[in-house]
N, C-alpha and C. Protein backbone atom coordinates (compact mmCIF):
# COMPACT_ATOMS: atom_id res chain seq x y z
N MET A 1 200.03 169.17 90.72
CA MET A 1 199.23 169.30 89.53
C MET A 1 198.68 170.72 89.50
N THR A 2 198.76 171.36 88.35
CA THR A 2 198.17 172.68 88.20
C THR A 2 197.23 172.67 87.00
N HIS A 3 196.21 173.50 87.09
CA HIS A 3 195.23 173.64 86.02
C HIS A 3 194.87 175.11 85.92
N GLU A 4 194.90 175.66 84.72
CA GLU A 4 194.60 177.08 84.52
C GLU A 4 193.27 177.31 83.83
N GLY A 5 192.49 176.27 83.66
CA GLY A 5 191.20 176.41 83.00
C GLY A 5 190.12 176.95 83.93
N LYS A 6 188.92 177.09 83.41
CA LYS A 6 187.81 177.64 84.18
C LYS A 6 186.82 176.58 84.63
N SER A 7 186.92 175.38 84.10
CA SER A 7 185.94 174.36 84.41
C SER A 7 186.63 173.11 84.97
N SER A 8 186.20 171.95 84.54
CA SER A 8 186.63 170.67 85.11
C SER A 8 188.11 170.36 84.93
N PHE A 9 188.68 169.76 85.97
CA PHE A 9 190.03 169.21 85.94
C PHE A 9 189.99 167.88 86.66
N TRP A 10 190.08 166.80 85.89
CA TRP A 10 190.04 165.44 86.43
C TRP A 10 191.34 164.75 86.07
N VAL A 11 191.93 164.04 87.03
CA VAL A 11 193.12 163.23 86.76
C VAL A 11 192.91 161.87 87.43
N ASP A 12 192.97 160.82 86.63
CA ASP A 12 192.83 159.46 87.13
C ASP A 12 194.08 158.66 86.79
N LEU A 13 194.48 157.77 87.70
CA LEU A 13 195.55 156.82 87.44
C LEU A 13 194.91 155.56 86.89
N VAL A 14 195.39 155.12 85.74
CA VAL A 14 194.82 153.98 85.03
C VAL A 14 195.94 152.97 84.77
N ASP A 15 195.64 151.67 84.92
CA ASP A 15 196.67 150.68 84.62
C ASP A 15 196.72 150.39 83.13
N ASP A 16 197.65 149.55 82.71
CA ASP A 16 197.82 149.28 81.28
C ASP A 16 196.69 148.44 80.69
N GLN A 17 195.75 147.99 81.52
CA GLN A 17 194.56 147.28 81.04
C GLN A 17 193.35 148.21 80.94
N GLY A 18 193.55 149.49 81.25
CA GLY A 18 192.46 150.47 81.17
C GLY A 18 191.61 150.56 82.42
N ARG A 19 192.01 149.91 83.51
CA ARG A 19 191.25 149.96 84.76
C ARG A 19 191.64 151.19 85.56
N GLN A 20 190.64 151.95 86.01
CA GLN A 20 190.91 153.11 86.85
C GLN A 20 191.30 152.61 88.24
N LEU A 21 192.46 153.09 88.71
CA LEU A 21 192.96 152.66 90.01
C LEU A 21 192.73 153.71 91.10
N GLU A 22 192.84 154.99 90.74
CA GLU A 22 192.78 156.05 91.74
C GLU A 22 192.42 157.37 91.08
N SER A 23 191.56 158.16 91.70
CA SER A 23 191.31 159.53 91.26
C SER A 23 192.30 160.43 91.99
N LEU A 24 193.11 161.16 91.25
CA LEU A 24 194.13 162.02 91.86
C LEU A 24 193.65 163.46 91.97
N ALA A 25 192.72 163.87 91.13
CA ALA A 25 192.17 165.23 91.20
C ALA A 25 190.77 165.24 90.61
N ILE A 26 189.87 165.91 91.29
CA ILE A 26 188.52 166.19 90.78
C ILE A 26 188.24 167.62 91.24
N GLU A 27 188.53 168.58 90.37
CA GLU A 27 188.50 169.99 90.74
C GLU A 27 187.79 170.81 89.67
N ARG A 28 187.52 172.07 89.99
CA ARG A 28 186.94 173.02 89.05
C ARG A 28 187.77 174.30 89.10
N GLY A 29 187.98 174.89 87.92
CA GLY A 29 188.66 176.17 87.85
C GLY A 29 190.16 176.05 87.98
N PRO A 30 190.82 177.20 88.11
CA PRO A 30 192.27 177.17 88.26
C PRO A 30 192.63 176.64 89.65
N VAL A 31 193.46 175.62 89.69
CA VAL A 31 193.84 175.00 90.96
C VAL A 31 195.29 174.56 90.93
N ARG A 32 195.79 174.37 92.14
CA ARG A 32 197.09 173.74 92.36
C ARG A 32 196.85 172.70 93.45
N VAL A 33 196.98 171.44 93.13
CA VAL A 33 196.70 170.36 94.08
C VAL A 33 197.83 169.34 94.06
N ALA A 34 197.90 168.58 95.14
CA ALA A 34 198.88 167.49 95.24
C ALA A 34 198.16 166.25 95.72
N SER A 35 198.68 165.12 95.34
CA SER A 35 198.10 163.85 95.74
C SER A 35 199.22 162.85 95.92
N ALA A 36 199.06 161.99 96.90
CA ALA A 36 200.05 160.93 97.13
C ALA A 36 199.35 159.59 97.04
N LEU A 37 200.06 158.63 96.52
CA LEU A 37 199.51 157.28 96.49
C LEU A 37 200.66 156.30 96.55
N GLY A 38 200.35 155.12 96.97
CA GLY A 38 201.35 154.06 97.02
C GLY A 38 200.87 152.88 96.20
N THR A 39 201.80 152.23 95.56
CA THR A 39 201.46 151.02 94.82
C THR A 39 202.55 149.99 95.06
N THR A 40 202.16 148.76 95.15
CA THR A 40 203.13 147.68 95.35
C THR A 40 203.36 146.91 94.06
N SER A 41 202.69 147.33 93.00
CA SER A 41 202.79 146.62 91.73
C SER A 41 203.61 147.40 90.73
N ALA A 42 204.73 146.82 90.31
CA ALA A 42 205.50 147.42 89.23
C ALA A 42 204.69 147.28 87.95
N GLY A 43 204.87 148.20 87.01
CA GLY A 43 204.14 148.09 85.76
C GLY A 43 204.05 149.41 85.05
N LYS A 44 203.22 149.44 84.04
CA LYS A 44 203.00 150.65 83.26
C LYS A 44 201.66 151.25 83.67
N TYR A 45 201.66 152.56 83.83
CA TYR A 45 200.46 153.28 84.26
C TYR A 45 200.23 154.47 83.34
N ILE A 46 199.00 154.93 83.32
CA ILE A 46 198.59 156.06 82.48
C ILE A 46 197.91 157.09 83.37
N LEU A 47 198.18 158.36 83.13
CA LEU A 47 197.42 159.42 83.76
C LEU A 47 196.38 159.88 82.75
N GLU A 48 195.12 159.69 83.07
CA GLU A 48 194.03 160.13 82.19
C GLU A 48 193.59 161.50 82.68
N VAL A 49 193.74 162.51 81.82
CA VAL A 49 193.49 163.89 82.21
C VAL A 49 192.34 164.46 81.39
N GLU A 50 191.39 165.12 82.08
CA GLU A 50 190.33 165.88 81.42
C GLU A 50 190.44 167.30 81.94
N ALA A 51 190.69 168.25 81.04
CA ALA A 51 190.87 169.64 81.44
C ALA A 51 190.40 170.56 80.33
N ASP A 52 189.95 171.76 80.70
CA ASP A 52 189.50 172.73 79.70
C ASP A 52 190.52 173.84 79.49
N GLY A 53 191.71 173.69 80.06
CA GLY A 53 192.75 174.69 79.91
C GLY A 53 194.11 174.07 80.12
N PRO A 54 195.15 174.88 80.10
CA PRO A 54 196.50 174.37 80.29
C PRO A 54 196.66 173.70 81.66
N TRP A 55 197.42 172.61 81.69
CA TRP A 55 197.66 171.90 82.93
C TRP A 55 199.09 171.38 82.96
N ASN A 56 199.56 171.06 84.16
CA ASN A 56 200.90 170.53 84.35
C ASN A 56 200.87 169.53 85.49
N ILE A 57 201.58 168.42 85.34
CA ILE A 57 201.66 167.41 86.39
C ILE A 57 203.13 167.06 86.60
N GLN A 58 203.55 167.07 87.84
CA GLN A 58 204.91 166.67 88.19
C GLN A 58 204.81 165.38 89.01
N ILE A 59 205.57 164.37 88.62
CA ILE A 59 205.55 163.08 89.31
C ILE A 59 206.88 162.89 90.01
N GLU A 60 206.82 162.49 91.27
CA GLU A 60 208.01 162.19 92.04
C GLU A 60 207.88 160.79 92.61
N GLN A 61 208.99 160.08 92.69
CA GLN A 61 208.99 158.74 93.26
C GLN A 61 210.06 158.67 94.34
N PRO A 62 209.74 159.22 95.53
CA PRO A 62 210.74 159.22 96.60
C PRO A 62 210.99 157.81 97.13
N ARG A 63 212.14 157.63 97.71
CA ARG A 63 212.52 156.34 98.30
C ARG A 63 212.66 156.51 99.80
N LEU A 64 212.27 155.52 100.56
CA LEU A 64 212.34 155.58 102.01
C LEU A 64 213.78 155.79 102.49
N THR A 65 214.76 155.32 101.75
CA THR A 65 216.15 155.47 102.16
C THR A 65 216.58 156.93 102.22
N SER A 66 215.88 157.80 101.51
CA SER A 66 216.23 159.23 101.52
C SER A 66 215.28 160.05 102.38
N ALA A 67 214.41 159.39 103.13
CA ALA A 67 213.39 160.09 103.92
C ALA A 67 213.97 160.64 105.22
N PRO A 68 213.85 161.95 105.44
CA PRO A 68 214.30 162.52 106.71
C PRO A 68 213.28 162.26 107.81
N GLN A 69 213.68 162.43 109.03
CA GLN A 69 212.75 162.30 110.16
C GLN A 69 212.27 163.70 110.53
N LYS A 70 211.42 164.29 109.67
CA LYS A 70 210.89 165.63 109.91
C LYS A 70 209.91 165.61 111.08
N ILE A 71 209.80 166.76 111.71
CA ILE A 71 208.86 166.83 112.83
C ILE A 71 207.74 167.84 112.59
N SER A 72 207.83 168.66 111.54
CA SER A 72 206.74 169.60 111.28
C SER A 72 206.60 169.87 109.79
N PHE A 73 205.40 170.22 109.41
CA PHE A 73 205.07 170.56 108.03
C PHE A 73 204.15 171.75 108.05
N SER A 74 204.12 172.51 106.96
CA SER A 74 203.15 173.60 106.84
C SER A 74 202.84 173.78 105.36
N GLY A 75 201.75 174.48 105.07
CA GLY A 75 201.39 174.71 103.68
C GLY A 75 200.06 175.40 103.57
N GLU A 76 199.57 175.49 102.33
CA GLU A 76 198.28 176.09 102.04
C GLU A 76 197.52 175.19 101.08
N ASN A 77 196.19 175.22 101.20
CA ASN A 77 195.32 174.47 100.31
C ASN A 77 195.68 172.98 100.33
N ASP A 78 195.35 172.26 99.28
CA ASP A 78 195.68 170.84 99.19
C ASP A 78 197.18 170.69 99.08
N ALA A 79 197.75 169.80 99.84
CA ALA A 79 199.20 169.59 99.78
C ALA A 79 199.51 168.16 100.19
N VAL A 80 200.64 167.69 99.76
CA VAL A 80 201.15 166.39 100.16
C VAL A 80 202.54 166.64 100.71
N THR A 81 202.83 166.09 101.88
CA THR A 81 204.16 166.27 102.45
C THR A 81 205.17 165.45 101.67
N SER A 82 206.43 165.75 101.86
CA SER A 82 207.47 164.89 101.32
C SER A 82 207.46 163.59 102.12
N LEU A 83 208.07 162.57 101.59
CA LEU A 83 208.16 161.30 102.28
C LEU A 83 208.93 161.49 103.59
N PHE A 84 208.44 160.91 104.68
CA PHE A 84 209.15 161.01 105.95
C PHE A 84 209.07 159.67 106.66
N GLU A 85 209.95 159.49 107.63
CA GLU A 85 210.05 158.22 108.34
C GLU A 85 209.66 158.42 109.80
N LEU A 86 208.91 157.47 110.33
CA LEU A 86 208.56 157.47 111.75
C LEU A 86 209.16 156.23 112.39
N SER A 87 209.66 156.38 113.60
CA SER A 87 210.11 155.20 114.33
C SER A 87 208.88 154.41 114.75
N SER A 88 209.07 153.18 115.17
CA SER A 88 207.93 152.35 115.56
C SER A 88 207.33 152.86 116.86
N GLY A 89 206.11 152.50 117.11
CA GLY A 89 205.44 152.89 118.33
C GLY A 89 204.33 153.90 118.09
N LEU A 90 203.55 154.14 119.13
CA LEU A 90 202.42 155.06 119.08
C LEU A 90 202.91 156.49 118.87
N LYS A 91 202.24 157.25 118.01
CA LYS A 91 202.60 158.63 117.71
C LYS A 91 201.40 159.54 117.97
N LYS A 92 201.67 160.77 118.39
CA LYS A 92 200.64 161.79 118.55
C LYS A 92 200.90 162.84 117.48
N ILE A 93 199.88 163.18 116.71
CA ILE A 93 199.99 164.18 115.65
C ILE A 93 199.07 165.33 115.99
N SER A 94 199.61 166.54 116.04
CA SER A 94 198.82 167.74 116.33
C SER A 94 198.73 168.58 115.06
N MET A 95 197.56 169.16 114.81
CA MET A 95 197.35 169.99 113.63
C MET A 95 196.64 171.27 114.01
N THR A 96 196.91 172.33 113.28
CA THR A 96 196.18 173.58 113.45
C THR A 96 195.73 174.08 112.08
N HIS A 97 194.71 174.90 112.09
CA HIS A 97 194.17 175.46 110.86
C HIS A 97 193.84 176.92 111.12
N GLN A 98 194.33 177.83 110.28
CA GLN A 98 194.08 179.24 110.48
C GLN A 98 193.27 179.85 109.36
N GLY A 99 192.67 179.01 108.53
CA GLY A 99 191.90 179.50 107.40
C GLY A 99 190.43 179.61 107.73
N ARG A 100 189.62 179.71 106.67
CA ARG A 100 188.18 179.82 106.81
C ARG A 100 187.55 178.44 106.77
N LYS A 101 186.36 178.34 107.34
CA LYS A 101 185.58 177.13 107.26
C LYS A 101 185.09 176.98 105.82
N ALA A 102 185.18 175.77 105.27
CA ALA A 102 184.74 175.51 103.90
C ALA A 102 183.23 175.64 103.81
N ASN A 103 182.74 176.12 102.67
CA ASN A 103 181.30 176.23 102.44
C ASN A 103 180.70 174.86 102.21
N SER A 104 179.54 174.61 102.75
CA SER A 104 178.87 173.32 102.57
C SER A 104 178.05 173.33 101.31
């Protein structure tokens, strides 16, 4: 999701009955963000967008059958990895961060 405005950018997933299911973005200013969610219910959904400038949303629906067994990921800012598969059993995940501490 990208937003080129200067103020609020909100994106909510809403079902066909008007119920908010998930907030996908709550941001300010120009941003590029990603969000992942899973649903087990087939149906019709709506993206409710509030923005003060141009925005773009790309939706992908990956399938587990096409998921590689990746072992590393990298990126900047908010990001969502591509779909990946893990074998069963206990896993250890290591992460590093080379950026600045966020302001409180």
